[in-house]
Amino acid sequence: MSVQTNSSFTRRGFIAGSSATLGSMAAPLSGNTQSASARRLRIAQVGTGGRGTYWGRSIIQNFGDVTQIVGLCDINPKRVEVAKEMIGSSAPTFVDFDKMIGETKPDLVLVTTTDSAHYQYIIRAMELGHDVLTEKPLCTDEQQCQAILDAEKKYGKKLIVGFNARHYPQAKKIKQLMLDKAIGDVISIDYQEYLDTSHGASYFRRWHRIKEMSGTLLVSKSCHHFDQVNWWLNSNPVEVVAYGDLKFYGRNNSFRGTRCRNCPFEKKCQFYTDITKNETAMKLYVNCESEDGYLSDGCVWRQDANIYDTYSVMVRYENGARLTYTANTFMPYEGQEICLNGTQGRIDFNMYGGGGYSDNQLRMTRNFGKSELITDLEFRKGGHGGADPSLHDVIFRGQGAPDPLGLKASSLAGAYSSLVGIGAYRSIERGGERVRISSLVKL
């Protein structure tokens, strides 16, 4: 597989034309055999949008003593230059991935592109002899998943998946309670996800609204949550059944434009947003539109949206546990309600924010015993409530450190989290048919 030219990876092209396990990762990356004190980890990054820029800036600001960015690559030549300035890097920039790898000779390739392109850069990097760190999700369909796992086995390189949702203080505490059998054996988990009319709508403004690019929000967004559950249960998903619809965004409106800027419906649309007031978005996206035509403030009512904005999923696990998961993306406030039901009690985690409603509570209630609010949580500053810096610490400083909670996500963990979402949208496509994970990929 060759990943070389700008023409191979255009967002416009995707929209128009797309219809071996890592174990505990306690060992150092295969390309980084020298000690951190002797040599910094050389990182080449592909994908310099919003999330990619965040990763790059974190590396530069917080891990400069043990890492260095040696190259930045993006299919948009303007964006990669803007991102270089935002990141604060002096590294050379590229639009040709193979050229970047050849000239910079990295120890690790960081993949932060659009979701459906992850697998191409992951596989190409391993073909060229390099370990890979990829943003979630690992992949967006079963063919991509199989190709990644086959390539990892073939080339013998290491693959890290960046799941920051494992690193929320509450998520870590729940994992510890699971290890301690605090509520006995977990029989079922109820997981409800609410995205408000700002966060939820953002996915329908951007490329995520295209199934071929995101794998739907079941993969692009919910893989975080499926990984949490897989990790908490310490068990593999076996079977998935799901129902989903596009009930609110996309075609479900009487009027629509192309983008919010200069939209004739600006005065009547509740979802109108003025991107010109966001300096970062203007520099990173609007001022770079001429190169690929990508709109970051696209109309949420565009009829090409073909993902689901409401869905329900049921998952059966090897250990007999069940997950019932629902998500809605047009709520008045943001939040999660997670309940773990065990043979000796129950854990409730409720987190809400926005719309004038804010609450955050983790509680454990034992059968025939008391209910207690859990407050001994370690919070830290940084993105996603401190989860991002925790994840980055584990990756860049903790390669040989003990990992009692299993925070390091293997390629197999990445595969299973994506496969739950993939199995779910295949089930929806087939009218609610049960989908076995083993029918999707040979693990």
Protein backbone atom coordinates (compact mmCIF):
# COMPACT_ATOMS: atom_id res chain seq x y z
CA MET A 1 0.00 0.00 0.00
CA SER A 2 1.30 3.43 -0.91
CA VAL A 3 0.31 6.61 0.88
CA GLN A 4 2.20 9.27 -0.96
CA THR A 5 0.32 12.03 -2.66
CA ASN A 6 -2.06 14.76 -1.69
CA SER A 7 -4.54 13.55 -4.32
CA SER A 8 -4.92 10.22 -2.52
CA PHE A 9 -6.26 11.81 0.65
CA THR A 10 -8.60 14.74 0.12
CA ARG A 11 -11.60 15.34 2.31
CA ARG A 12 -13.55 16.24 -0.82
CA GLY A 13 -12.46 12.93 -2.34
CA PHE A 14 -13.55 10.97 0.70
CA ILE A 15 -16.98 12.60 0.72
CA ALA A 16 -17.50 12.09 -3.00
CA GLY A 17 -15.88 8.72 -3.56
CA SER A 18 -15.83 6.71 -0.32
CA SER A 19 -18.83 4.64 -0.19
CA ALA A 20 -1.25 -9.53 16.64
CA THR A 21 -2.08 -7.99 19.95
CA LEU A 22 0.03 -5.46 21.88
CA GLY A 23 -0.41 -7.17 25.23
CA SER A 24 0.35 -5.00 28.24
CA MET A 25 2.73 -2.70 26.33
CA ALA A 26 5.17 -2.79 29.21
CA ALA A 27 8.06 -3.11 26.77
CA PRO A 28 9.49 0.04 25.19
CA LEU A 29 8.52 0.99 21.69
CA SER A 30 10.50 -1.13 19.25
CA GLY A 31 12.16 1.88 17.65
CA ASN A 32 13.15 3.48 20.96
CA THR A 33 15.75 1.19 22.48
CA GLN A 34 17.85 3.88 24.10
CA SER A 35 16.99 5.36 27.48
CA ALA A 36 14.95 8.55 27.65
CA SER A 37 17.90 10.37 29.19
CA ALA A 38 20.09 9.47 26.20
CA ARG A 39 17.66 10.09 23.37
CA ARG A 40 14.25 11.66 22.89
CA LEU A 41 11.47 9.77 21.13
CA ARG A 42 11.23 11.02 17.54
CA ILE A 43 7.57 11.52 16.52
CA ALA A 44 6.23 12.16 13.03
CA GLN A 45 2.59 13.27 13.01
CA VAL A 46 0.01 12.96 10.22
CA GLY A 47 -3.25 14.89 10.53
CA THR A 48 -3.13 18.45 11.87
CA GLY A 49 -6.78 19.40 12.43
CA GLY A 50 -8.16 20.40 15.79
CA ARG A 51 -7.45 17.17 17.65
CA GLY A 52 -4.09 16.71 15.95
CA THR A 53 -3.05 20.23 16.88
CA TYR A 54 -4.02 19.52 20.49
CA TRP A 55 -1.84 16.38 20.54
CA GLY A 56 1.10 18.22 19.00
CA ARG A 57 0.88 21.13 21.41
CA SER A 58 0.73 18.77 24.40
CA ILE A 59 3.82 16.92 23.19
CA ILE A 60 5.77 20.15 22.70
CA GLN A 61 4.71 21.80 25.96
CA ASN A 62 4.67 18.86 28.36
CA PHE A 63 7.00 16.18 27.02
CA GLY A 64 9.80 18.07 25.30
CA ASP A 65 12.36 16.44 27.58
CA VAL A 66 11.50 12.92 26.36
CA THR A 67 10.00 13.51 22.90
CA GLN A 68 10.44 15.66 19.82
CA ILE A 69 8.20 16.20 16.82
CA VAL A 70 10.35 15.72 13.74
CA GLY A 71 7.69 16.08 11.04
CA LEU A 72 4.11 17.27 10.47
CA CYS A 73 1.96 16.08 7.58
CA ASP A 74 -1.51 16.93 6.33
CA ILE A 75 -3.32 16.68 2.99
CA ASN A 76 -4.03 20.41 3.29
CA PRO A 77 -0.78 22.36 2.76
CA LYS A 78 -2.18 25.54 4.32
CA ARG A 79 -3.49 23.78 7.41
CA VAL A 80 -0.24 22.01 8.19
CA GLU A 81 1.59 25.35 8.20
CA VAL A 82 -1.02 26.95 10.47
CA ALA A 83 -0.92 23.92 12.77
CA LYS A 84 2.87 24.10 12.96
CA GLU A 85 2.59 27.63 14.34
CA MET A 86 -0.21 26.68 16.76
CA ILE A 87 1.70 23.65 18.01
CA GLY A 88 4.86 25.66 18.47
CA SER A 89 7.00 23.28 16.46
CA SER A 90 10.04 23.89 14.31
CA ALA A 91 9.64 20.59 12.48
CA PRO A 92 9.42 20.48 8.68
CA THR A 93 5.97 20.11 7.11
CA PHE A 94 4.80 17.73 4.39
CA VAL A 95 1.79 16.80 2.27
CA ASP A 96 3.46 13.56 1.17
CA PHE A 97 3.41 10.96 3.97
CA ASP A 98 6.10 8.66 2.54
CA LYS A 99 8.41 11.62 2.03
CA MET A 100 7.97 12.69 5.66
CA ILE A 101 8.77 9.21 6.93
CA GLY A 102 11.78 8.87 4.67
CA GLU A 103 13.28 12.23 5.57
CA THR A 104 12.53 12.34 9.30
CA LYS A 105 13.15 8.68 10.26
CA PRO A 106 10.83 8.69 13.30
CA ASP A 107 10.61 6.19 16.13
CA LEU A 108 6.84 6.65 16.32
CA VAL A 109 4.15 7.78 13.89
CA LEU A 110 1.22 9.66 15.43
CA VAL A 111 -2.02 9.34 13.41
CA THR A 112 -4.64 12.05 14.04
CA THR A 113 -6.38 12.20 10.67
CA THR A 114 -10.07 11.78 9.82
CA ASP A 115 -11.27 8.47 11.22
CA SER A 116 -11.65 6.50 7.99
CA ALA A 117 -8.04 7.30 7.03
CA HIS A 118 -6.48 5.96 10.24
CA TYR A 119 -5.98 2.45 8.90
CA GLN A 120 -4.17 3.56 5.74
CA TYR A 121 -1.55 5.54 7.64
CA ILE A 122 -1.26 2.92 10.39
CA ILE A 123 -0.55 0.17 7.88
CA ARG A 124 1.77 2.26 5.73
CA ALA A 125 3.79 3.35 8.77
CA MET A 126 4.24 -0.28 9.84
CA GLU A 127 5.17 -1.25 6.29
CA LEU A 128 7.90 1.38 6.46
CA GLY A 129 9.14 -0.08 9.75
CA HIS A 130 7.67 2.20 12.43
CA ASP A 131 5.59 1.88 15.59
CA VAL A 132 2.28 3.76 15.61
CA LEU A 133 0.18 5.76 18.05
CA THR A 134 -3.32 6.42 16.74
CA GLU A 135 -6.22 8.47 17.98
CA LYS A 136 -9.44 6.57 18.49
CA PRO A 137 -11.17 4.93 16.74
CA LEU A 138 -8.76 2.33 15.45
CA CYS A 139 -10.85 1.85 12.31
CA THR A 140 -14.32 2.43 10.86
CA ASP A 141 -15.22 -0.91 9.23
CA GLU A 142 -14.38 -4.58 9.54
CA GLN A 143 -12.11 -4.71 6.49
CA GLN A 144 -9.94 -1.93 7.91
CA CYS A 145 -9.80 -3.72 11.25
CA GLN A 146 -8.66 -6.99 9.71
CA ALA A 147 -6.05 -5.23 7.59
CA ILE A 148 -4.57 -3.45 10.64
CA LEU A 149 -4.35 -6.60 12.76
CA ASP A 150 -2.83 -8.54 9.87
CA ALA A 151 -0.25 -5.80 9.25
CA GLU A 152 0.71 -5.62 12.92
CA LYS A 153 1.35 -9.34 12.93
CA LYS A 154 3.18 -9.27 9.59
CA TYR A 155 5.53 -6.38 10.35
CA GLY A 156 6.00 -6.95 14.08
CA LYS A 157 5.52 -3.30 15.04
CA LYS A 158 3.77 -1.91 18.11
CA LEU A 159 0.43 -0.10 17.92
CA ILE A 160 -0.95 2.16 20.67
CA VAL A 161 -4.57 3.38 20.71
CA GLY A 162 -5.31 6.65 22.53
CA PHE A 163 -8.39 6.06 24.70
CA ASN A 164 -8.59 9.02 27.03
CA ALA A 165 -11.99 7.93 28.44
CA ARG A 166 -10.17 5.30 30.51
CA HIS A 167 -8.39 8.17 32.24
CA TYR A 168 -11.31 10.07 33.76
CA PRO A 169 -10.95 9.96 37.57
CA GLN A 170 -14.35 8.31 37.87
CA ALA A 171 -13.52 5.71 35.21
CA LYS A 172 -10.30 4.79 37.02
CA LYS A 173 -12.15 4.49 40.33
CA ILE A 174 -14.80 2.25 38.77
CA LYS A 175 -12.06 0.02 37.36
CA GLN A 176 -10.47 -0.28 40.80
CA LEU A 177 -13.83 -1.17 42.34
CA MET A 178 -14.26 -3.84 39.66
CA LEU A 179 -10.84 -5.31 40.46
CA ASP A 180 -11.75 -5.29 44.16
CA LYS A 181 -15.07 -7.04 43.44
CA ALA A 182 -16.73 -4.27 45.45
CA ILE A 183 -20.18 -5.14 44.06
CA GLY A 184 -19.45 -8.79 43.29
CA ASP A 185 -19.69 -10.00 39.71
CA VAL A 186 -21.14 -7.45 37.31
CA ILE A 187 -24.23 -8.84 35.60
CA SER A 188 -25.19 -5.84 33.46
CA ILE A 189 -24.28 -2.25 32.65
CA ASP A 190 -26.74 0.47 31.67
CA TYR A 191 -25.04 3.33 29.83
CA GLN A 192 -26.87 6.44 28.62
CA GLU A 193 -25.08 9.18 26.69
CA TYR A 194 -26.55 12.65 26.15
CA LEU A 195 -25.02 15.15 23.74
CA ASP A 196 -26.46 18.64 23.87
CA THR A 197 -27.50 20.83 20.97
CA SER A 198 -24.00 22.31 20.78
CA HIS A 199 -21.81 19.22 21.08
CA GLY A 200 -24.19 16.92 19.22
CA ALA A 201 -24.74 19.39 16.40
CA SER A 202 -20.98 19.83 15.94
CA TYR A 203 -20.71 16.35 14.42
CA PHE A 204 -23.32 17.24 11.82
CA ARG A 205 -21.47 20.41 10.83
CA ARG A 206 -18.32 18.44 10.04
CA TRP A 207 -17.13 15.36 8.15
CA HIS A 208 -18.45 13.07 10.91
CA ARG A 209 -21.93 13.29 9.36
CA ILE A 210 -20.70 11.09 6.48
CA LYS A 211 -20.83 7.41 7.42
CA GLU A 212 -17.99 6.50 5.06
CA MET A 213 -15.69 8.91 6.90
CA SER A 214 -16.65 8.32 10.53
CA GLY A 215 -18.22 4.88 10.68
CA THR A 216 -21.17 6.76 12.25
CA LEU A 217 -21.06 8.09 15.81
CA LEU A 218 -21.37 4.46 16.97
CA VAL A 219 -17.70 4.20 16.02
CA SER A 220 -16.34 7.74 15.96
CA LYS A 221 -17.85 8.78 19.30
CA SER A 222 -19.17 5.72 21.14
CA CYS A 223 -16.03 3.59 20.72
CA HIS A 224 -14.78 5.52 23.79
CA HIS A 225 -17.66 4.17 25.83
CA PHE A 226 -17.51 0.65 24.42
CA ASP A 227 -13.82 0.54 25.34
CA GLN A 228 -14.64 1.69 28.88
CA VAL A 229 -17.14 -1.13 29.31
CA ASN A 230 -14.86 -3.77 27.75
CA TRP A 231 -12.10 -2.60 30.10
CA TRP A 232 -14.27 -2.48 33.21
CA LEU A 233 -15.67 -5.96 32.57
CA ASN A 234 -12.30 -7.36 31.50
CA SER A 235 -14.20 -9.39 28.94
CA ASN A 236 -14.60 -9.44 25.17
CA PRO A 237 -17.84 -8.59 23.35
CA VAL A 238 -19.41 -11.56 21.56
CA GLU A 239 -22.65 -10.37 20.01
CA VAL A 240 -24.31 -7.03 19.19
CA VAL A 241 -27.84 -5.96 18.26
CA ALA A 242 -28.82 -2.34 17.63
CA TYR A 243 -31.42 0.09 16.36
CA GLY A 244 -30.71 3.59 15.14
CA ASP A 245 -32.20 6.45 13.18
CA LEU A 246 -31.55 9.94 11.87
CA LYS A 247 -34.52 11.65 13.52
CA PHE A 248 -33.39 15.22 14.20
CA TYR A 249 -30.54 16.55 12.02
CA GLY A 250 -29.92 16.27 8.29
CA ARG A 251 -33.08 15.84 6.23
CA ASN A 252 -35.33 16.50 9.25
CA ASN A 253 -35.92 20.19 8.66
CA SER A 254 -37.92 22.35 6.29
CA PHE A 255 -35.01 24.60 5.28
CA ARG A 256 -31.26 24.27 4.90
CA GLY A 257 -28.20 26.05 3.60
CA THR A 258 -24.65 25.00 2.85
CA ARG A 259 -22.85 26.67 5.73
CA CYS A 260 -23.65 29.14 8.49
CA ARG A 261 -21.62 31.94 6.94
CA ASN A 262 -23.87 34.01 4.67
CA CYS A 263 -26.78 31.63 5.22
CA PRO A 264 -30.17 33.12 4.21
CA PHE A 265 -31.75 31.40 7.22
CA GLU A 266 -29.40 32.93 9.79
CA LYS A 267 -32.17 34.76 11.63
CA LYS A 268 -34.57 31.81 11.93
CA CYS A 269 -32.19 28.90 12.53
CA GLN A 270 -31.51 28.07 16.18
CA PHE A 271 -28.35 26.26 15.14
CA TYR A 272 -26.73 29.26 13.49
CA THR A 273 -23.16 29.76 14.68
CA ASP A 274 -20.72 32.52 13.79
CA ILE A 275 -17.42 30.80 13.15
CA THR A 276 -15.76 34.16 12.45
CA LYS A 277 -15.73 34.77 16.21
CA ASN A 278 -13.53 31.71 16.74
CA GLU A 279 -9.97 32.73 15.91
CA THR A 280 -8.62 29.19 16.02
CA ALA A 281 -11.32 27.79 13.73
CA MET A 282 -10.81 30.65 11.29
CA LYS A 283 -7.07 30.00 11.03
CA LEU A 284 -7.20 26.21 11.00
CA TYR A 285 -10.25 25.69 8.80
CA VAL A 286 -11.87 28.72 7.14
CA ASN A 287 -8.61 30.19 5.87
CA CYS A 288 -7.64 26.76 4.51
CA GLU A 289 -10.88 25.94 2.67
CA SER A 290 -9.42 26.83 -0.70
CA GLU A 291 -7.24 23.71 -0.62
CA ASP A 292 -9.86 20.99 -0.05
CA GLY A 293 -13.29 22.62 0.19
CA TYR A 294 -13.87 21.34 3.72
CA LEU A 295 -16.42 23.33 5.76
CA SER A 296 -16.15 23.32 9.54
CA ASP A 297 -19.37 25.35 9.93
CA GLY A 298 -21.49 23.32 7.56
CA CYS A 299 -25.27 23.30 7.84
CA VAL A 300 -26.57 20.71 10.30
CA TRP A 301 -29.56 20.13 7.99
CA ARG A 302 -27.55 19.00 4.94
CA GLN A 303 -29.23 16.07 3.25
CA ASP A 304 -25.99 14.16 2.73
CA ALA A 305 -25.87 13.33 6.47
CA ASN A 306 -26.20 9.53 6.63
CA ILE A 307 -25.31 8.70 10.23
CA TYR A 308 -27.61 8.18 13.23
CA ASP A 309 -28.40 10.87 15.77
CA THR A 310 -30.23 8.46 18.11
CA TYR A 311 -29.39 4.80 18.72
CA SER A 312 -29.67 1.92 21.15
CA VAL A 313 -27.27 -1.02 21.43
CA MET A 314 -27.21 -4.27 23.38
CA VAL A 315 -23.96 -6.22 23.73
CA ARG A 316 -23.38 -9.71 25.12
CA TYR A 317 -19.95 -10.55 26.61
CA GLU A 318 -17.91 -13.72 26.97
CA ASN A 319 -18.35 -13.65 30.74
CA GLY A 320 -22.14 -13.46 30.40
CA ALA A 321 -22.49 -9.77 31.22
CA ARG A 322 -24.74 -7.49 29.19
CA LEU A 323 -24.42 -3.87 28.12
CA THR A 324 -27.44 -1.73 27.26
CA TYR A 325 -26.29 1.51 25.64
CA THR A 326 -28.27 4.48 24.32
CA ALA A 327 -27.19 7.79 22.85
CA ASN A 328 -29.06 10.92 21.78
CA THR A 329 -27.33 13.90 20.21
CA PHE A 330 -29.90 16.73 20.46
CA MET A 331 -30.53 17.08 24.19
CA PRO A 332 -30.92 20.34 26.17
CA TYR A 333 -27.97 19.39 28.37
CA GLU A 334 -24.88 17.19 28.21
CA GLY A 335 -24.42 14.15 30.36
CA GLN A 336 -23.98 10.46 31.11
CA GLU A 337 -25.81 8.04 33.34
CA ILE A 338 -23.86 4.82 33.94
CA CYS A 339 -25.07 2.03 36.20
CA LEU A 340 -23.12 -1.15 36.94
CA ASN A 341 -25.33 -3.85 38.42
CA GLY A 342 -23.53 -6.55 40.39
CA THR A 343 -24.40 -9.59 42.48
CA GLN A 344 -23.58 -7.66 45.66
CA GLY A 345 -24.58 -4.10 44.78
CA ARG A 346 -24.61 -1.29 42.27
CA ILE A 347 -22.42 1.61 41.16
CA ASP A 348 -24.03 4.76 39.76
CA PHE A 349 -22.09 7.43 37.91
CA ASN A 350 -24.07 10.47 36.83
CA MET A 351 -22.47 13.45 35.13
CA TYR A 352 -24.42 16.37 33.70
CA GLY A 353 -23.47 19.80 32.45
CA GLY A 354 -24.96 22.64 30.43
CA GLY A 355 -28.46 23.94 29.98
CA GLY A 356 -28.39 25.36 33.49
CA TYR A 357 -28.07 21.86 34.95
CA SER A 358 -24.81 20.62 36.46
CA ASP A 359 -24.11 17.57 38.60
CA ASN A 360 -21.33 15.03 38.96
CA GLN A 361 -21.72 12.09 41.30
CA LEU A 362 -20.21 8.62 41.77
CA ARG A 363 -22.06 6.40 44.24
CA MET A 364 -21.84 2.77 45.38
CA THR A 365 -24.72 0.99 47.09
CA ARG A 366 -24.27 -2.53 48.48
CA ASN A 367 -27.09 -5.05 48.81
CA PHE A 368 -28.42 -5.00 52.38
CA GLY A 369 -25.94 -2.24 53.14
CA LYS A 370 -25.43 1.47 52.97
CA SER A 371 -25.16 3.79 49.99
CA GLU A 372 -21.99 5.84 49.91
CA LEU A 373 -20.88 8.78 47.84
CA ILE A 374 -17.35 8.23 46.52
CA THR A 375 -15.24 11.35 46.80
CA ASP A 376 -11.62 10.13 46.90
CA LEU A 377 -10.99 10.96 43.26
CA GLU A 378 -7.80 12.45 41.85
CA PHE A 379 -8.59 15.32 39.48
CA ARG A 380 -6.02 17.17 37.42
CA LYS A 381 -5.96 20.06 35.01
CA GLY A 382 -6.07 19.56 31.26
CA GLY A 383 -8.30 18.52 28.39
CA HIS A 384 -11.31 16.28 28.94
CA GLY A 385 -11.27 16.87 32.67
CA GLY A 386 -7.63 15.88 33.03
CA ALA A 387 -8.03 12.65 31.06
CA ASP A 388 -5.85 13.84 28.17
CA PRO A 389 -2.73 14.63 30.24
CA SER A 390 -3.15 11.34 32.11
CA LEU A 391 -3.26 9.46 28.80
CA HIS A 392 -0.24 11.31 27.45
CA ASP A 393 1.73 10.62 30.64
CA VAL A 394 1.09 6.89 30.32
CA ILE A 395 2.18 6.87 26.67
CA PHE A 396 5.22 9.11 26.80
CA ARG A 397 6.53 8.54 30.32
CA GLY A 398 5.06 5.26 31.47
CA GLN A 399 6.16 2.66 28.93
CA GLY A 400 8.01 0.56 31.49
CA ALA A 401 5.98 1.57 34.53
CA PRO A 402 3.52 -0.69 36.40
CA ASP A 403 -0.03 -0.47 35.07
CA PRO A 404 -2.28 -2.00 37.75
CA LEU A 405 -5.48 -0.62 36.21
CA GLY A 406 -4.60 -1.64 32.67
CA LEU A 407 -4.78 1.90 31.34
CA LYS A 408 -2.63 1.09 28.31
CA ALA A 409 -4.92 0.15 25.44
CA SER A 410 -3.65 -2.51 23.06
CA SER A 411 -4.47 -2.85 19.39
CA LEU A 412 -6.86 -5.65 20.33
CA ALA A 413 -8.67 -3.29 22.72
CA GLY A 414 -8.89 -0.79 19.87
CA ALA A 415 -10.26 -3.47 17.60
CA TYR A 416 -12.94 -4.66 20.01
CA SER A 417 -14.13 -1.11 20.76
CA SER A 418 -14.50 -0.34 17.06
CA LEU A 419 -16.06 -3.73 16.33
CA VAL A 420 -18.87 -3.13 18.82
CA GLY A 421 -19.73 0.06 16.91
CA ILE A 422 -19.25 -1.61 13.52
CA GLY A 423 -21.37 -4.57 14.59
CA ALA A 424 -24.02 -2.14 15.81
CA TYR A 425 -24.32 -0.24 12.54
CA ARG A 426 -24.31 -3.51 10.60
CA SER A 427 -27.18 -4.64 12.83
CA ILE A 428 -29.06 -1.42 12.12
CA GLU A 429 -28.47 -1.82 8.38
CA ARG A 430 -29.90 -5.35 8.61
CA GLY A 431 -33.03 -4.34 10.49
CA GLY A 432 -31.91 -5.26 14.00
CA GLU A 433 -30.21 -8.54 13.14
CA ARG A 434 -27.87 -10.01 15.76
CA VAL A 435 -24.24 -9.64 14.67
CA ARG A 436 -21.49 -11.84 16.09
CA ILE A 437 -18.12 -10.14 16.46
CA SER A 438 -16.41 -13.29 15.17
CA SER A 439 -18.32 -12.89 11.88
CA LEU A 440 -16.69 -9.52 11.27
CA VAL A 441 -12.98 -10.14 11.90
CA LYS A 442 -10.69 -13.10 12.55
CA LEU A 443 -9.07 -12.09 15.84
